[in-house]
Protein backbone atom coordinates (compact mmCIF):
# COMPACT_ATOMS: atom_id res chain seq x y z
CA MET A 1 55.08 142.02 -17.01
CA ILE A 2 53.39 145.14 -18.49
CA GLY A 3 52.92 143.10 -21.75
CA LEU A 4 51.44 140.15 -20.03
CA GLN A 5 49.06 142.45 -18.12
CA LEU A 6 47.85 144.11 -21.45
CA LEU A 7 47.64 140.69 -23.44
CA PRO A 8 43.57 140.46 -22.81
CA VAL A 9 43.51 143.94 -23.92
CA VAL A 10 45.31 143.39 -27.05
CA ILE A 11 43.49 140.23 -27.82
CA SER A 12 40.01 141.99 -27.07
CA LEU A 13 41.02 144.84 -29.71
CA LEU A 14 42.36 142.43 -32.30
CA VAL A 15 39.18 140.37 -32.23
CA LEU A 16 37.02 143.45 -32.21
CA GLY A 17 38.92 144.64 -35.17
CA ALA A 18 38.65 141.50 -36.95
CA HIS A 19 34.70 141.78 -36.44
CA PHE A 20 34.57 145.02 -37.87
CA LEU A 21 36.64 144.07 -40.80
CA ARG A 22 34.63 141.00 -41.50
CA SER A 23 31.22 143.07 -41.55
CA GLY A 24 32.72 145.49 -43.88
CA SER A 25 33.06 148.48 -41.35
CA ILE A 26 36.34 149.51 -42.25
CA VAL A 27 35.60 153.03 -40.82
CA LEU A 28 35.35 151.23 -37.28
CA VAL A 29 38.47 149.29 -37.66
CA ALA A 30 40.52 152.47 -37.36
CA PRO A 31 39.54 153.35 -33.90
CA VAL A 32 40.42 149.86 -32.85
CA PHE A 33 43.83 150.30 -34.24
CA VAL A 34 44.30 153.95 -32.70
CA ALA A 35 43.42 152.23 -29.23
CA LEU A 36 46.16 149.56 -30.03
CA ALA A 37 48.53 152.34 -30.63
CA LEU A 38 47.54 154.33 -27.34
CA LEU A 39 48.77 151.31 -25.32
CA GLY A 40 52.08 152.70 -26.02
CA VAL A 41 51.41 156.24 -24.78
CA ARG A 42 52.11 156.38 -20.97
CA ARG A 43 49.43 158.82 -20.23
CA ARG A 44 46.32 158.47 -18.22
CA TRP A 45 43.90 159.92 -20.87
CA ALA A 46 45.36 157.13 -23.17
CA ALA A 47 44.43 154.50 -20.85
CA ARG A 48 40.85 155.97 -20.23
CA LEU A 49 40.39 156.27 -24.01
CA VAL A 50 41.24 152.49 -24.42
CA GLN A 51 38.99 151.59 -21.82
CA ALA A 52 36.15 153.42 -23.59
CA VAL A 53 36.74 151.68 -26.63
CA LEU A 54 36.76 148.28 -24.87
CA LEU A 55 33.30 149.02 -23.08
CA LEU A 56 31.97 150.21 -26.39
CA GLY A 57 33.31 147.03 -28.05
CA ALA A 58 31.46 144.89 -25.37
CA ILE A 59 28.25 146.77 -26.17
CA GLU A 60 29.01 145.93 -29.68
CA TRP A 61 29.35 142.12 -28.99
CA VAL A 62 26.17 142.02 -26.93
CA ARG A 63 24.41 143.64 -29.87
CA THR A 64 25.65 141.22 -32.37
CA LEU A 65 24.79 138.40 -30.10
CA VAL A 66 21.12 139.56 -29.90
CA GLN A 67 20.91 140.19 -33.64
CA LEU A 68 22.47 136.90 -34.62
CA ALA A 69 20.59 134.86 -32.03
CA SER A 70 17.20 136.17 -32.90
CA TRP A 71 18.11 135.40 -36.60
CA ARG A 72 18.77 131.70 -35.68
CA VAL A 73 15.69 131.45 -33.52
CA GLN A 74 13.57 132.83 -36.29
CA ALA A 75 15.08 130.39 -38.65
CA GLY A 76 14.50 127.38 -36.24
CA GLN A 77 18.03 126.86 -35.65
CA PRO A 78 19.58 126.37 -32.11
CA ALA A 79 21.29 129.59 -30.77
CA THR A 80 22.71 128.36 -27.34
CA ARG A 81 26.35 127.76 -28.74
CA LEU A 82 26.43 131.19 -30.48
CA VAL A 83 24.92 132.89 -27.20
CA VAL A 84 27.80 131.14 -25.09
CA ILE A 85 30.55 132.14 -27.50
CA LEU A 86 29.65 135.62 -28.01
CA GLY A 87 28.68 136.17 -24.59
CA SER A 88 32.06 135.14 -23.43
CA VAL A 89 33.57 137.38 -25.91
CA ALA A 90 31.54 140.29 -24.69
CA LEU A 91 32.59 139.41 -21.13
CA LEU A 92 36.32 139.21 -21.97
CA THR A 93 36.08 142.29 -23.70
CA GLY A 94 34.30 144.16 -21.10
CA LEU A 95 36.65 142.75 -18.39
CA SER A 96 39.44 143.66 -20.24
CA ALA A 97 38.62 147.32 -19.47
CA LEU A 98 39.51 146.49 -15.68
CA VAL A 99 43.12 145.57 -16.19
CA PHE A 100 43.98 149.06 -16.13
CA ARG A 101 42.87 149.24 -12.54
CA ALA A 102 45.93 147.18 -11.53
CA ALA A 103 48.53 149.13 -9.62
CA ARG A 104 51.55 148.22 -12.04
CA LEU A 105 49.27 149.43 -14.99
CA ARG A 106 48.13 152.50 -12.98
CA ALA A 107 51.89 153.23 -12.51
CA TRP A 108 52.72 152.77 -16.00
CA PHE A 109 50.07 155.00 -17.53
CA GLU A 110 50.69 157.70 -14.74
CA PRO A 111 54.44 158.18 -14.94
CA ARG A 112 55.94 160.81 -12.65
CA GLN A 113 56.80 164.02 -14.35
CA ALA A 114 60.58 165.26 -14.01
CA GLY A 115 61.21 166.77 -10.67
CA GLU A 116 58.24 165.05 -8.86
CA SER A 117 58.71 163.01 -5.93
CA ALA A 118 56.73 160.19 -4.54
CA GLY A 119 55.19 162.47 -1.89
CA ASP A 120 54.14 164.92 -4.46
């Protein structure tokens, strides 16, 4: 079940990594892969770091949308489809950061330490 809940996060990170790879920003691919690896670290800080990468990724998608749409408009080409697609990708990436608020994922990334009880 955890894997299904993390699926939007994984897809968002993979698409973001592909975006950086295609644009030649190899240096920016590394943090995306680090974020993917952090999904296996069961600590609250790891989840927060992945959320930060996703929110920065959503900002990158919006930046790319504005840049490409302005180029298309200046060239006299339609930009509506581009805006819809990249807007959807930006929205999905941003909303993927919210999956960590689900109770099951909060419990997954905040495991109890040895000796702790439910009342601690």
